[in-house]
PDB file of N, CA and C in Angstrom:
ATOM      1  N   UNK A   1     -66.201  19.631  22.434  1.00  0.00           N
ATOM      2  CA  UNK A   1     -64.880  19.171  22.700  1.00  0.00           C
ATOM      3  C   UNK A   1     -64.362  18.328  21.537  1.00  0.00           C
ATOM      4  N   UNK A   2     -65.094  17.279  21.086  1.00  0.00           N
ATOM      5  CA  UNK A   2     -64.848  16.444  19.947  1.00  0.00           C
ATOM      6  C   UNK A   2     -64.609  17.213  18.764  1.00  0.00           C
ATOM      7  N   UNK A   3     -65.515  18.084  18.428  1.00  0.00           N
ATOM      8  CA  UNK A   3     -65.427  18.882  17.235  1.00  0.00           C
ATOM      9  C   UNK A   3     -64.203  19.794  17.247  1.00  0.00           C
ATOM     10  N   UNK A   4     -63.895  20.417  18.281  1.00  0.00           N
ATOM     11  CA  UNK A   4     -62.632  21.224  18.351  1.00  0.00           C
ATOM     12  C   UNK A   4     -61.379  20.373  18.074  1.00  0.00           C
ATOM     13  N   UNK A   5     -61.309  19.217  18.612  1.00  0.00           N
ATOM     14  CA  UNK A   5     -60.212  18.314  18.475  1.00  0.00           C
ATOM     15  C   UNK A   5     -60.111  17.757  17.079  1.00  0.00           C
ATOM     16  N   UNK A   6     -61.255  17.490  16.482  1.00  0.00           N
ATOM     17  CA  UNK A   6     -61.394  16.959  15.153  1.00  0.00           C
ATOM     18  C   UNK A   6     -60.871  17.949  14.108  1.00  0.00           C
ATOM     19  N   UNK A   7     -61.329  19.198  14.322  1.00  0.00           N
ATOM     20  CA  UNK A   7     -60.957  20.247  13.295  1.00  0.00           C
ATOM     21  C   UNK A   7     -59.480  20.557  13.461  1.00  0.00           C
ATOM     22  N   UNK A   8     -58.911  20.623  14.663  1.00  0.00           N
ATOM     23  CA  UNK A   8     -57.520  20.835  14.790  1.00  0.00           C
ATOM     24  C   UNK A   8     -56.647  19.818  14.195  1.00  0.00           C
ATOM     25  N   UNK A   9     -57.128  18.550  14.137  1.00  0.00           N
ATOM     26  CA  UNK A   9     -56.329  17.459  13.597  1.00  0.00           C
ATOM     27  C   UNK A   9     -56.499  17.251  12.050  1.00  0.00           C
ATOM     28  N   UNK A  10     -57.459  17.921  11.546  1.00  0.00           N
ATOM     29  CA  UNK A  10     -57.696  17.846  10.141  1.00  0.00           C
ATOM     30  C   UNK A  10     -56.661  18.493   9.367  1.00  0.00           C
ATOM     31  N   UNK A  11     -56.187  17.842   8.282  1.00  0.00           N
ATOM     32  CA  UNK A  11     -55.171  18.411   7.403  1.00  0.00           C
ATOM     33  C   UNK A  11     -55.688  19.553   6.535  1.00  0.00           C
ATOM     34  N   UNK A  12     -54.908  20.625   6.420  1.00  0.00           N
ATOM     35  CA  UNK A  12     -55.386  21.747   5.598  1.00  0.00           C
ATOM     36  C   UNK A  12     -55.076  21.376   4.243  1.00  0.00           C
ATOM     37  N   UNK A  13     -56.023  21.676   3.298  1.00  0.00           N
ATOM     38  CA  UNK A  13     -55.798  21.391   1.940  1.00  0.00           C
ATOM     39  C   UNK A  13     -54.914  22.454   1.272  1.00  0.00           C
ATOM     40  N   UNK A  14     -53.977  22.132   0.466  1.00  0.00           N
ATOM     41  CA  UNK A  14     -53.084  23.045  -0.073  1.00  0.00           C
ATOM     42  C   UNK A  14     -53.841  23.705  -1.426  1.00  0.00           C
ATOM     43  N   UNK A  15     -53.469  24.941  -1.571  1.00  0.00           N
ATOM     44  CA  UNK A  15     -54.119  25.695  -2.679  1.00  0.00           C
ATOM     45  C   UNK A  15     -53.009  26.224  -3.573  1.00  0.00           C
ATOM     46  N   UNK A  16     -53.433  26.925  -4.633  1.00  0.00           N
ATOM     47  CA  UNK A  16     -52.408  27.566  -5.561  1.00  0.00           C
ATOM     48  C   UNK A  16     -51.753  28.648  -4.813  1.00  0.00           C
ATOM     49  N   UNK A  17     -52.257  29.224  -3.719  1.00  0.00           N
ATOM     50  CA  UNK A  17     -51.512  30.254  -2.917  1.00  0.00           C
ATOM     51  C   UNK A  17     -50.372  29.687  -2.288  1.00  0.00           C
ATOM     52  N   UNK A  18     -50.498  28.401  -1.799  1.00  0.00           N
ATOM     53  CA  UNK A  18     -49.338  27.720  -1.245  1.00  0.00           C
ATOM     54  C   UNK A  18     -48.235  27.543  -2.298  1.00  0.00           C
ATOM     55  N   UNK A  19     -48.627  27.156  -3.499  1.00  0.00           N
ATOM     56  CA  UNK A  19     -47.741  26.937  -4.591  1.00  0.00           C
ATOM     57  C   UNK A  19     -46.937  28.236  -4.970  1.00  0.00           C
ATOM     58  N   UNK A  20     -47.567  29.336  -4.832  1.00  0.00           N
ATOM     59  CA  UNK A  20     -46.973  30.665  -5.180  1.00  0.00           C
ATOM     60  C   UNK A  20     -45.937  31.030  -4.164  1.00  0.00           C
ATOM     61  N   UNK A  21     -45.932  30.383  -3.018  1.00  0.00           N
ATOM     62  CA  UNK A  21     -44.963  30.724  -1.992  1.00  0.00           C
ATOM     63  C   UNK A  21     -43.712  29.963  -2.226  1.00  0.00           C
ATOM     64  N   UNK A  22     -43.738  28.951  -3.046  1.00  0.00           N
ATOM     65  CA  UNK A  22     -42.463  28.132  -3.290  1.00  0.00           C
ATOM     66  C   UNK A  22     -41.469  28.933  -4.094  1.00  0.00           C
ATOM     67  N   UNK A  23     -40.309  29.105  -3.637  1.00  0.00           N
ATOM     68  CA  UNK A  23     -39.239  29.879  -4.287  1.00  0.00           C
ATOM     69  C   UNK A  23     -38.005  29.078  -4.374  1.00  0.00           C
ATOM     70  N   UNK A  24     -37.273  29.185  -5.425  1.00  0.00           N
ATOM     71  CA  UNK A  24     -35.975  28.522  -5.567  1.00  0.00           C
ATOM     72  C   UNK A  24     -35.007  29.215  -4.574  1.00  0.00           C
ATOM     73  N   UNK A  25     -34.324  28.526  -3.751  1.00  0.00           N
ATOM     74  CA  UNK A  25     -33.421  29.123  -2.763  1.00  0.00           C
ATOM     75  C   UNK A  25     -32.073  29.415  -3.294  1.00  0.00           C
ATOM     76  N   UNK A  26     -31.306  30.329  -2.775  1.00  0.00           N
ATOM     77  CA  UNK A  26     -30.031  30.515  -3.124  1.00  0.00           C
ATOM     78  C   UNK A  26     -29.215  29.324  -2.774  1.00  0.00           C
ATOM     79  N   UNK A  27     -28.436  28.816  -3.764  1.00  0.00           N
ATOM     80  CA  UNK A  27     -27.680  27.596  -3.558  1.00  0.00           C
ATOM     81  C   UNK A  27     -28.389  26.380  -3.996  1.00  0.00           C
ATOM     82  N   UNK A  28     -29.666  26.560  -4.367  1.00  0.00           N
ATOM     83  CA  UNK A  28     -30.516  25.378  -4.808  1.00  0.00           C
ATOM     84  C   UNK A  28     -30.447  25.267  -6.264  1.00  0.00           C
ATOM     85  N   UNK A  29     -30.019  24.116  -6.750  1.00  0.00           N
ATOM     86  CA  UNK A  29     -29.946  23.924  -8.255  1.00  0.00           C
ATOM     87  C   UNK A  29     -31.301  23.831  -8.871  1.00  0.00           C
ATOM     88  N   UNK A  30     -31.398  24.001 -10.098  1.00  0.00           N
ATOM     89  CA  UNK A  30     -32.746  23.904 -10.804  1.00  0.00           C
ATOM     90  C   UNK A  30     -33.392  22.577 -10.624  1.00  0.00           C
ATOM     91  N   UNK A  31     -32.652  21.567 -10.640  1.00  0.00           N
ATOM     92  CA  UNK A  31     -33.237  20.220 -10.432  1.00  0.00           C
ATOM     93  C   UNK A  31     -33.914  20.028  -9.146  1.00  0.00           C
ATOM     94  N   UNK A  32     -33.292  20.671  -8.061  1.00  0.00           N
ATOM     95  CA  UNK A  32     -33.909  20.574  -6.715  1.00  0.00           C
ATOM     96  C   UNK A  32     -35.172  21.288  -6.576  1.00  0.00           C
ATOM     97  N   UNK A  33     -35.149  22.577  -7.221  1.00  0.00           N
ATOM     98  CA  UNK A  33     -36.333  23.340  -7.265  1.00  0.00           C
ATOM     99  C   UNK A  33     -37.459  22.751  -8.054  1.00  0.00           C
ATOM    100  N   UNK A  34     -37.205  22.083  -9.210  1.00  0.00           N
ATOM    101  CA  UNK A  34     -38.185  21.484  -9.991  1.00  0.00           C
ATOM    102  C   UNK A  34     -38.813  20.239  -9.151  1.00  0.00           C
ATOM    103  N   UNK A  35     -38.047  19.502  -8.477  1.00  0.00           N
ATOM    104  CA  UNK A  35     -38.443  18.444  -7.775  1.00  0.00           C
ATOM    105  C   UNK A  35     -39.305  18.899  -6.632  1.00  0.00           C
ATOM    106  N   UNK A  36     -38.941  19.882  -5.959  1.00  0.00           N
ATOM    107  CA  UNK A  36     -39.741  20.412  -4.797  1.00  0.00           C
ATOM    108  C   UNK A  36     -41.018  21.050  -5.245  1.00  0.00           C
ATOM    109  N   UNK A  37     -40.969  21.784  -6.297  1.00  0.00           N
ATOM    110  CA  UNK A  37     -42.185  22.521  -6.834  1.00  0.00           C
ATOM    111  C   UNK A  37     -43.180  21.388  -7.367  1.00  0.00           C
ATOM    112  N   UNK A  38     -42.696  20.427  -8.122  1.00  0.00           N
ATOM    113  CA  UNK A  38     -43.569  19.393  -8.568  1.00  0.00           C
ATOM    114  C   UNK A  38     -44.204  18.504  -7.537  1.00  0.00           C
ATOM    115  N   UNK A  39     -43.400  18.331  -6.519  1.00  0.00           N
ATOM    116  CA  UNK A  39     -43.888  17.505  -5.369  1.00  0.00           C
ATOM    117  C   UNK A  39     -45.079  18.166  -4.868  1.00  0.00           C
ATOM    118  N   UNK A  40     -44.990  19.546  -4.561  1.00  0.00           N
ATOM    119  CA  UNK A  40     -46.103  20.321  -4.023  1.00  0.00           C
ATOM    120  C   UNK A  40     -47.282  20.507  -4.942  1.00  0.00           C
ATOM    121  N   UNK A  41     -47.018  20.650  -6.329  1.00  0.00           N
ATOM    122  CA  UNK A  41     -48.032  20.912  -7.259  1.00  0.00           C
ATOM    123  C   UNK A  41     -49.068  19.704  -7.337  1.00  0.00           C
ATOM    124  N   UNK A  42     -48.480  18.506  -7.309  1.00  0.00           N
ATOM    125  CA  UNK A  42     -49.359  17.342  -7.367  1.00  0.00           C
ATOM    126  C   UNK A  42     -50.293  17.206  -6.138  1.00  0.00           C
ATOM    127  N   UNK A  43     -49.947  17.927  -5.031  1.00  0.00           N
ATOM    128  CA  UNK A  43     -50.848  17.730  -3.881  1.00  0.00           C
ATOM    129  C   UNK A  43     -51.963  18.711  -3.885  1.00  0.00           C
ATOM    130  N   UNK A  44     -52.070  19.589  -4.910  1.00  0.00           N
ATOM    131  CA  UNK A  44     -53.132  20.626  -4.984  1.00  0.00           C
ATOM    132  C   UNK A  44     -54.271  20.062  -5.919  1.00  0.00           C
ATOM    133  N   UNK A  45     -55.505  19.889  -5.419  1.00  0.00           N
ATOM    134  CA  UNK A  45     -56.539  19.474  -6.266  1.00  0.00           C
ATOM    135  C   UNK A  45     -57.014  20.552  -7.144  1.00  0.00           C
ATOM    136  N   UNK A  46     -57.378  20.181  -8.378  1.00  0.00           N
ATOM    137  CA  UNK A  46     -57.954  21.084  -9.335  1.00  0.00           C
ATOM    138  C   UNK A  46     -57.107  22.339  -9.654  1.00  0.00           C
ATOM    139  N   UNK A  47     -55.838  22.019  -9.784  1.00  0.00           N
ATOM    140  CA  UNK A  47     -54.793  23.161 -10.043  1.00  0.00           C
ATOM    141  C   UNK A  47     -54.922  23.509 -11.426  1.00  0.00           C
ATOM    142  N   UNK A  48     -55.114  24.790 -11.621  1.00  0.00           N
ATOM    143  CA  UNK A  48     -55.164  25.356 -13.067  1.00  0.00           C
ATOM    144  C   UNK A  48     -53.730  25.416 -13.578  1.00  0.00           C
ATOM    145  N   UNK A  49     -53.596  24.951 -14.875  1.00  0.00           N
ATOM    146  CA  UNK A  49     -52.308  24.932 -15.385  1.00  0.00           C
ATOM    147  C   UNK A  49     -51.554  26.264 -15.578  1.00  0.00           C
ATOM    148  N   UNK A  50     -52.345  27.219 -16.000  1.00  0.00           N
ATOM    149  CA  UNK A  50     -51.822  28.556 -16.137  1.00  0.00           C
ATOM    150  C   UNK A  50     -51.317  29.110 -14.805  1.00  0.00           C
ATOM    151  N   UNK A  51     -51.995  28.844 -13.679  1.00  0.00           N
ATOM    152  CA  UNK A  51     -51.637  29.280 -12.399  1.00  0.00           C
ATOM    153  C   UNK A  51     -50.348  28.662 -11.945  1.00  0.00           C
ATOM    154  N   UNK A  52     -50.280  27.305 -12.234  1.00  0.00           N
ATOM    155  CA  UNK A  52     -49.134  26.578 -11.872  1.00  0.00           C
ATOM    156  C   UNK A  52     -47.845  26.961 -12.625  1.00  0.00           C
ATOM    157  N   UNK A  53     -48.080  27.244 -13.937  1.00  0.00           N
ATOM    158  CA  UNK A  53     -46.957  27.680 -14.843  1.00  0.00           C
ATOM    159  C   UNK A  53     -46.486  29.083 -14.224  1.00  0.00           C
ATOM    160  N   UNK A  54     -47.426  30.001 -13.997  1.00  0.00           N
ATOM    161  CA  UNK A  54     -46.975  31.283 -13.474  1.00  0.00           C
ATOM    162  C   UNK A  54     -46.212  31.209 -12.204  1.00  0.00           C
ATOM    163  N   UNK A  55     -46.682  30.305 -11.275  1.00  0.00           N
ATOM    164  CA  UNK A  55     -46.080  30.142  -9.970  1.00  0.00           C
ATOM    165  C   UNK A  55     -44.693  29.569 -10.090  1.00  0.00           C
ATOM    166  N   UNK A  56     -44.480  28.626 -11.041  1.00  0.00           N
ATOM    167  CA  UNK A  56     -43.210  28.030 -11.267  1.00  0.00           C
ATOM    168  C   UNK A  56     -42.218  29.108 -11.843  1.00  0.00           C
ATOM    169  N   UNK A  57     -42.623  29.914 -12.763  1.00  0.00           N
ATOM    170  CA  UNK A  57     -41.751  30.941 -13.380  1.00  0.00           C
ATOM    171  C   UNK A  57     -41.424  32.031 -12.312  1.00  0.00           C
ATOM    172  N   UNK A  58     -42.462  32.456 -11.572  1.00  0.00           N
ATOM    173  CA  UNK A  58     -42.188  33.465 -10.476  1.00  0.00           C
ATOM    174  C   UNK A  58     -41.234  32.950  -9.337  1.00  0.00           C
ATOM    175  N   UNK A  59     -41.289  31.691  -9.150  1.00  0.00           N
ATOM    176  CA  UNK A  59     -40.486  31.113  -8.014  1.00  0.00           C
ATOM    177  C   UNK A  59     -38.970  30.979  -8.416  1.00  0.00           C
ATOM    178  N   UNK A  60     -38.614  30.996  -9.711  1.00  0.00           N
ATOM    179  CA  UNK A  60     -37.230  30.786 -10.092  1.00  0.00           C
ATOM    180  C   UNK A  60     -36.416  32.032  -9.804  1.00  0.00           C
ATOM    181  N   UNK A  61     -35.149  31.693  -9.488  1.00  0.00           N
ATOM    182  CA  UNK A  61     -34.170  32.779  -9.281  1.00  0.00           C
ATOM    183  C   UNK A  61     -33.845  33.333 -10.653  1.00  0.00           C
ATOM    184  N   UNK A  62     -33.396  34.654 -10.618  1.00  0.00           N
ATOM    185  CA  UNK A  62     -33.016  35.223 -11.965  1.00  0.00           C
ATOM    186  C   UNK A  62     -31.809  34.452 -12.455  1.00  0.00           C
ATOM    187  N   UNK A  63     -31.862  34.279 -13.823  1.00  0.00           N
ATOM    188  CA  UNK A  63     -30.756  33.579 -14.505  1.00  0.00           C
ATOM    189  C   UNK A  63     -31.224  33.184 -15.965  1.00  0.00           C
ATOM    190  N   UNK A  64     -30.368  32.582 -16.627  1.00  0.00           N
ATOM    191  CA  UNK A  64     -30.552  32.233 -18.024  1.00  0.00           C
ATOM    192  C   UNK A  64     -31.813  31.396 -18.221  1.00  0.00           C
ATOM    193  N   UNK A  65     -32.041  30.412 -17.322  1.00  0.00           N
ATOM    194  CA  UNK A  65     -33.239  29.587 -17.589  1.00  0.00           C
ATOM    195  C   UNK A  65     -34.541  30.395 -17.448  1.00  0.00           C
ATOM    196  N   UNK A  66     -34.610  31.179 -16.343  1.00  0.00           N
ATOM    197  CA  UNK A  66     -35.807  31.976 -16.184  1.00  0.00           C
ATOM    198  C   UNK A  66     -36.112  32.912 -17.426  1.00  0.00           C
ATOM    199  N   UNK A  67     -34.963  33.547 -17.843  1.00  0.00           N
ATOM    200  CA  UNK A  67     -35.096  34.427 -19.088  1.00  0.00           C
ATOM    201  C   UNK A  67     -35.593  33.613 -20.234  1.00  0.00           C
ATOM    202  N   UNK A  68     -35.008  32.471 -20.529  1.00  0.00           N
ATOM    203  CA  UNK A  68     -35.369  31.669 -21.673  1.00  0.00           C
ATOM    204  C   UNK A  68     -36.799  31.134 -21.515  1.00  0.00           C
ATOM    205  N   UNK A  69     -37.246  30.863 -20.348  1.00  0.00           N
ATOM    206  CA  UNK A  69     -38.615  30.383 -20.048  1.00  0.00           C
ATOM    207  C   UNK A  69     -39.601  31.538 -20.321  1.00  0.00           C
ATOM    208  N   UNK A  70     -39.241  32.645 -19.835  1.00  0.00           N
ATOM    209  CA  UNK A  70     -40.134  33.830 -20.005  1.00  0.00           C
ATOM    210  C   UNK A  70     -40.218  34.261 -21.544  1.00  0.00           C
ATOM    211  N   UNK A  71     -39.059  34.189 -22.078  1.00  0.00           N
ATOM    212  CA  UNK A  71     -38.984  34.573 -23.584  1.00  0.00           C
ATOM    213  C   UNK A  71     -39.800  33.556 -24.538  1.00  0.00           C
ATOM    214  N   UNK A  72     -39.829  32.347 -24.110  1.00  0.00           N
ATOM    215  CA  UNK A  72     -40.470  31.363 -24.993  1.00  0.00           C
ATOM    216  C   UNK A  72     -42.063  31.361 -24.825  1.00  0.00           C
ATOM    217  N   UNK A  73     -42.529  32.137 -23.863  1.00  0.00           N
ATOM    218  CA  UNK A  73     -43.887  32.432 -23.572  1.00  0.00           C
ATOM    219  C   UNK A  73     -44.609  31.062 -23.353  1.00  0.00           C
ATOM    220  N   UNK A  74     -43.987  30.178 -22.602  1.00  0.00           N
ATOM    221  CA  UNK A  74     -44.721  28.951 -22.251  1.00  0.00           C
ATOM    222  C   UNK A  74     -46.043  29.211 -21.504  1.00  0.00           C
ATOM    223  N   UNK A  75     -47.041  28.413 -21.641  1.00  0.00           N
ATOM    224  CA  UNK A  75     -48.261  28.617 -21.030  1.00  0.00           C
ATOM    225  C   UNK A  75     -48.812  27.524 -20.185  1.00  0.00           C
ATOM    226  N   UNK A  76     -48.077  26.424 -20.186  1.00  0.00           N
ATOM    227  CA  UNK A  76     -48.423  25.232 -19.383  1.00  0.00           C
ATOM    228  C   UNK A  76     -47.196  24.838 -18.495  1.00  0.00           C
ATOM    229  N   UNK A  77     -47.522  24.153 -17.428  1.00  0.00           N
ATOM    230  CA  UNK A  77     -46.589  23.665 -16.485  1.00  0.00           C
ATOM    231  C   UNK A  77     -45.802  22.553 -17.124  1.00  0.00           C
ATOM    232  N   UNK A  78     -46.523  21.784 -17.931  1.00  0.00           N
ATOM    233  CA  UNK A  78     -45.778  20.616 -18.567  1.00  0.00           C
ATOM    234  C   UNK A  78     -44.709  21.290 -19.597  1.00  0.00           C
ATOM    235  N   UNK A  79     -44.961  22.258 -20.305  1.00  0.00           N
ATOM    236  CA  UNK A  79     -44.003  22.808 -21.244  1.00  0.00           C
ATOM    237  C   UNK A  79     -42.841  23.499 -20.358  1.00  0.00           C
ATOM    238  N   UNK A  80     -43.109  24.092 -19.265  1.00  0.00           N
ATOM    239  CA  UNK A  80     -42.095  24.608 -18.454  1.00  0.00           C
ATOM    240  C   UNK A  80     -41.210  23.537 -17.793  1.00  0.00           C
ATOM    241  N   UNK A  81     -41.861  22.533 -17.340  1.00  0.00           N
ATOM    242  CA  UNK A  81     -41.045  21.371 -16.851  1.00  0.00           C
ATOM    243  C   UNK A  81     -40.193  20.754 -17.861  1.00  0.00           C
ATOM    244  N   UNK A  82     -40.758  20.546 -19.065  1.00  0.00           N
ATOM    245  CA  UNK A  82     -40.014  20.023 -20.157  1.00  0.00           C
ATOM    246  C   UNK A  82     -38.725  20.844 -20.537  1.00  0.00           C
ATOM    247  N   UNK A  83     -38.892  22.223 -20.595  1.00  0.00           N
ATOM    248  CA  UNK A  83     -37.852  23.132 -20.786  1.00  0.00           C
ATOM    249  C   UNK A  83     -36.744  22.969 -19.631  1.00  0.00           C
ATOM    250  N   UNK A  84     -37.242  22.841 -18.485  1.00  0.00           N
ATOM    251  CA  UNK A  84     -36.329  22.718 -17.261  1.00  0.00           C
ATOM    252  C   UNK A  84     -35.541  21.386 -17.473  1.00  0.00           C
ATOM    253  N   UNK A  85     -36.205  20.338 -17.889  1.00  0.00           N
ATOM    254  CA  UNK A  85     -35.441  19.074 -18.038  1.00  0.00           C
ATOM    255  C   UNK A  85     -34.421  19.156 -19.107  1.00  0.00           C
ATOM    256  N   UNK A  86     -34.681  19.832 -20.173  1.00  0.00           N
ATOM    257  CA  UNK A  86     -33.739  19.993 -21.282  1.00  0.00           C
ATOM    258  C   UNK A  86     -32.588  20.793 -20.758  1.00  0.00           C
ATOM    259  N   UNK A  87     -32.965  21.849 -20.074  1.00  0.00           N
ATOM    260  CA  UNK A  87     -31.858  22.790 -19.506  1.00  0.00           C
ATOM    261  C   UNK A  87     -30.960  22.111 -18.564  1.00  0.00           C
ATOM    262  N   UNK A  88     -31.502  21.261 -17.691  1.00  0.00           N
ATOM    263  CA  UNK A  88     -30.749  20.442 -16.738  1.00  0.00           C
ATOM    264  C   UNK A  88     -29.765  19.472 -17.439  1.00  0.00           C
ATOM    265  N   UNK A  89     -30.336  18.841 -18.474  1.00  0.00           N
ATOM    266  CA  UNK A  89     -29.547  17.940 -19.279  1.00  0.00           C
ATOM    267  C   UNK A  89     -28.345  18.621 -20.012  1.00  0.00           C
ATOM    268  N   UNK A  90     -28.675  19.790 -20.504  1.00  0.00           N
ATOM    269  CA  UNK A  90     -27.601  20.601 -21.282  1.00  0.00           C
ATOM    270  C   UNK A  90     -26.551  20.939 -20.321  1.00  0.00           C
ATOM    271  N   UNK A  91     -26.944  21.410 -19.131  1.00  0.00           N
ATOM    272  CA  UNK A  91     -25.932  21.769 -18.021  1.00  0.00           C
ATOM    273  C   UNK A  91     -25.007  20.563 -17.787  1.00  0.00           C
ATOM    274  N   UNK A  92     -25.687  19.394 -17.579  1.00  0.00           N
ATOM    275  CA  UNK A  92     -24.936  18.136 -17.268  1.00  0.00           C
ATOM    276  C   UNK A  92     -23.987  17.718 -18.412  1.00  0.00           C
ATOM    277  N   UNK A  93     -24.397  17.917 -19.593  1.00  0.00           N
ATOM    278  CA  UNK A  93     -23.531  17.610 -20.714  1.00  0.00           C
ATOM    279  C   UNK A  93     -22.365  18.528 -20.802  1.00  0.00           C
ATOM    280  N   UNK A  94     -22.653  19.846 -20.692  1.00  0.00           N
ATOM    281  CA  UNK A  94     -21.652  20.846 -20.861  1.00  0.00           C
ATOM    282  C   UNK A  94     -20.644  20.883 -19.721  1.00  0.00           C
ATOM    283  N   UNK A  95     -21.104  20.459 -18.575  1.00  0.00           N
ATOM    284  CA  UNK A  95     -20.142  20.460 -17.372  1.00  0.00           C
ATOM    285  C   UNK A  95     -19.450  19.110 -17.192  1.00  0.00           C
ATOM    286  N   UNK A  96     -19.787  18.163 -18.093  1.00  0.00           N
ATOM    287  CA  UNK A  96     -19.241  16.817 -17.983  1.00  0.00           C
ATOM    288  C   UNK A  96     -19.721  15.960 -16.802  1.00  0.00           C
ATOM    289  N   UNK A  97     -20.751  16.393 -16.319  1.00  0.00           N
ATOM    290  CA  UNK A  97     -21.315  15.656 -15.213  1.00  0.00           C
ATOM    291  C   UNK A  97     -22.211  14.532 -15.771  1.00  0.00           C
ATOM    292  N   UNK A  98     -22.214  13.348 -15.105  1.00  0.00           N
ATOM    293  CA  UNK A  98     -23.080  12.248 -15.408  1.00  0.00           C
ATOM    294  C   UNK A  98     -24.400  12.531 -14.925  1.00  0.00           C
ATOM    295  N   UNK A  99     -25.358  11.780 -15.546  1.00  0.00           N
ATOM    296  CA  UNK A  99     -26.728  11.805 -15.027  1.00  0.00           C
ATOM    297  C   UNK A  99     -26.735  11.274 -13.590  1.00  0.00           C
ATOM    298  N   UNK A 100     -27.535  11.892 -12.689  1.00  0.00           N
ATOM    299  CA  UNK A 100     -27.628  11.390 -11.308  1.00  0.00           C
ATOM    300  C   UNK A 100     -28.134  10.060 -11.187  1.00  0.00           C
ATOM    301  N   UNK A 101     -28.786   9.575 -12.265  1.00  0.00           N
ATOM    302  CA  UNK A 101     -29.240   8.179 -12.203  1.00  0.00           C
ATOM    303  C   UNK A 101     -28.003   7.203 -12.253  1.00  0.00           C
ATOM    304  N   UNK A 102     -26.858   7.596 -12.784  1.00  0.00           N
ATOM    305  CA  UNK A 102     -25.712   6.799 -12.849  1.00  0.00           C
ATOM    306  C   UNK A 102     -24.821   7.029 -11.608  1.00  0.00           C
ATOM    307  N   UNK A 103     -24.956   8.277 -10.988  1.00  0.00           N
ATOM    308  CA  UNK A 103     -24.079   8.415  -9.854  1.00  0.00           C
ATOM    309  C   UNK A 103     -24.762   9.453  -8.956  1.00  0.00           C
ATOM    310  N   UNK A 104     -25.468   9.004  -7.856  1.00  0.00           N
ATOM    311  CA  UNK A 104     -26.197   9.818  -6.970  1.00  0.00           C
ATOM    312  C   UNK A 104     -25.404  10.861  -6.180  1.00  0.00           C
ATOM    313  N   UNK A 105     -24.063  10.669  -6.194  1.00  0.00           N
ATOM    314  CA  UNK A 105     -23.335  11.565  -5.351  1.00  0.00           C
ATOM    315  C   UNK A 105     -22.974  12.906  -6.071  1.00  0.00           C
ATOM    316  N   UNK A 106     -23.190  12.924  -7.369  1.00  0.00           N
ATOM    317  CA  UNK A 106     -22.882  14.201  -8.145  1.00  0.00           C
ATOM    318  C   UNK A 106     -24.063  15.060  -8.128  1.00  0.00           C
ATOM    319  N   UNK A 107     -23.791  16.424  -8.163  1.00  0.00           N
ATOM    320  CA  UNK A 107     -24.976  17.363  -8.201  1.00  0.00           C
ATOM    321  C   UNK A 107     -24.879  18.213  -9.529  1.00  0.00           C
ATOM    322  N   UNK A 108     -26.089  18.722  -9.804  1.00  0.00           N
ATOM    323  CA  UNK A 108     -26.013  19.599 -11.001  1.00  0.00           C
ATOM    324  C   UNK A 108     -25.516  20.987 -10.688  1.00  0.00           C
ATOM    325  N   UNK A 109     -24.718  21.472 -11.561  1.00  0.00           N
ATOM    326  CA  UNK A 109     -24.095  22.807 -11.343  1.00  0.00           C
ATOM    327  C   UNK A 109     -25.278  23.785 -11.525  1.00  0.00           C
ATOM    328  N   UNK A 110     -25.337  24.807 -10.647  1.00  0.00           N
ATOM    329  CA  UNK A 110     -26.348  25.801 -10.640  1.00  0.00           C
ATOM    330  C   UNK A 110     -26.268  26.730 -11.956  1.00  0.00           C
ATOM    331  N   UNK A 111     -27.507  27.036 -12.316  1.00  0.00           N
ATOM    332  CA  UNK A 111     -27.647  27.979 -13.531  1.00  0.00           C
ATOM    333  C   UNK A 111     -26.712  29.173 -13.454  1.00  0.00           C
ATOM    334  N   UNK A 112     -26.734  29.763 -12.364  1.00  0.00           N
ATOM    335  CA  UNK A 112     -25.909  31.102 -12.310  1.00  0.00           C
ATOM    336  C   UNK A 112     -24.377  30.802 -12.385  1.00  0.00           C
ATOM    337  N   UNK A 113     -23.938  29.588 -12.220  1.00  0.00           N
ATOM    338  CA  UNK A 113     -22.546  29.261 -12.229  1.00  0.00           C
ATOM    339  C   UNK A 113     -22.064  28.934 -13.684  1.00  0.00           C
ATOM    340  N   UNK A 114     -22.958  28.768 -14.553  1.00  0.00           N
ATOM    341  CA  UNK A 114     -22.637  28.461 -15.902  1.00  0.00           C
ATOM    342  C   UNK A 114     -22.378  29.830 -16.640  1.00  0.00           C
ATOM    343  N   UNK A 115     -21.133  30.053 -17.176  1.00  0.00           N
ATOM    344  CA  UNK A 115     -20.847  31.219 -17.794  1.00  0.00           C
ATOM    345  C   UNK A 115     -21.356  31.294 -19.168  1.00  0.00           C
ATOM    346  N   UNK A 116     -21.784  32.464 -19.641  1.00  0.00           N
ATOM    347  CA  UNK A 116     -22.194  32.697 -21.011  1.00  0.00           C
ATOM    348  C   UNK A 116     -20.951  32.971 -21.877  1.00  0.00           C
ATOM    349  N   UNK A 117     -20.956  32.453 -23.054  1.00  0.00           N
ATOM    350  CA  UNK A 117     -19.829  32.739 -23.985  1.00  0.00           C
ATOM    351  C   UNK A 117     -20.096  34.182 -24.592  1.00  0.00           C
ATOM    352  N   UNK A 118     -19.181  35.148 -24.264  1.00  0.00           N
ATOM    353  CA  UNK A 118     -19.566  36.552 -24.510  1.00  0.00           C
ATOM    354  C   UNK A 118     -18.883  36.872 -25.856  1.00  0.00           C
ATOM    355  N   UNK A 119     -18.403  35.997 -26.662  1.00  0.00           N
ATOM    356  CA  UNK A 119     -17.829  36.370 -27.995  1.00  0.00           C
ATOM    357  C   UNK A 119     -18.898  36.795 -28.919  1.00  0.00           C
ATOM    358  N   UNK A 120     -18.625  37.819 -29.818  1.00  0.00           N
ATOM    359  CA  UNK A 120     -19.613  38.251 -30.726  1.00  0.00           C
ATOM    360  C   UNK A 120     -19.931  37.222 -31.737  1.00  0.00           C
ATOM    361  N   UNK A 121     -21.218  37.262 -32.097  1.00  0.00           N
ATOM    362  CA  UNK A 121     -21.683  36.267 -33.200  1.00  0.00           C
ATOM    363  C   UNK A 121     -21.067  36.714 -34.530  1.00  0.00           C
ATOM    364  N   UNK A 122     -20.707  35.820 -35.407  1.00  0.00           N
ATOM    365  CA  UNK A 122     -20.308  36.131 -36.727  1.00  0.00           C
ATOM    366  C   UNK A 122     -21.307  36.124 -37.689  1.00  0.00           C
TER     367      UNK A 122
END
């Protein structure tokens, strides 16, 4: 009886399989996905960086950031998160939004809402 109760109350350790199930949701901005993904990634012991990087990329919605991340051939989660931070800052600058540190009520515009300039290059 004690053993059955103890095993049932024991917390299950998270693995890289759990991380692979984390997906960016429709309507969720990049910053929210990065925060959620990173929060879960730090809970996984002995997480291999290549596995974490692949899970991060696979969980992203299709869009400019996912394409640029895949194109750059990043191999570590640190590189991917660094690119995400740069992309988030670029969106904030281009949309005129202030950093959330200055005003917590503002949200980052979603990647797919940012329009590409379709003029031909000269």
